[in-house]
Amino acid sequence: MRKKVLLTGRPGCGKTTLIKRIVNKLALPAGGFYTEEIRERGQRVGFKIVTLDGKEAGFARVDFKTPERLGKYGLNLSALETIAVAALRAAVRARQLVVIDEIGPMEIRSAIFREAVNEALDSAAPILGTVTARSFPFTDAIKKRPDVTMIEVRPNNREQLVSELSEQFMA
């Protein structure tokens, strides 16, 4: 069975935390990236990309003066396209578990990122990722793929999903 699991749910429901817990529990070779909040004085001021092998880059910040913007955030698409895309493609080539956190409104602004996501989904590599619950043509197409299992993360199913998904990827 090809394993391609994408988690969705409301912002702050614990998707990224869930993925980190599953990856740690699996102890399988994995590559890819997480998106983490950048907080200053208790306020979210942006997001950074953190690859599973430890590379980091600022991806979106309120104080980025870039032409590419989403809401209050300036986007550094080149950080996404170099660090995150390289991590995704390396994991696919190595047939590792590919972690994609996340396929969201900011990330899909990049054609290079969208191409890398499609390459990963078209590969034989197992995938564990998150996708925005909001509707966009690119993400809607991914959600409709017959080889992708969509799971909504909620406070009442988060804990059981750690063991269920760990077992599914180990099988």
Foldseek 3Di string as FASTA:
>chain_A
DQAAEAEEEDPPQCQQVLVVLLCVVLVWDEWAWAKAFDDDPRHTFAIWIAIPVGDIDTAWGLPDPAPDDDPSIDGDLVRCLPPRLVRLVVCLVVLTEYEEHAAEPSNVVDPSSLVSVVVSVPGSRHYYYYYYPDDDVSRVVVVPDPNYHYHYRHNVCSVVCSVVVSVVVVD
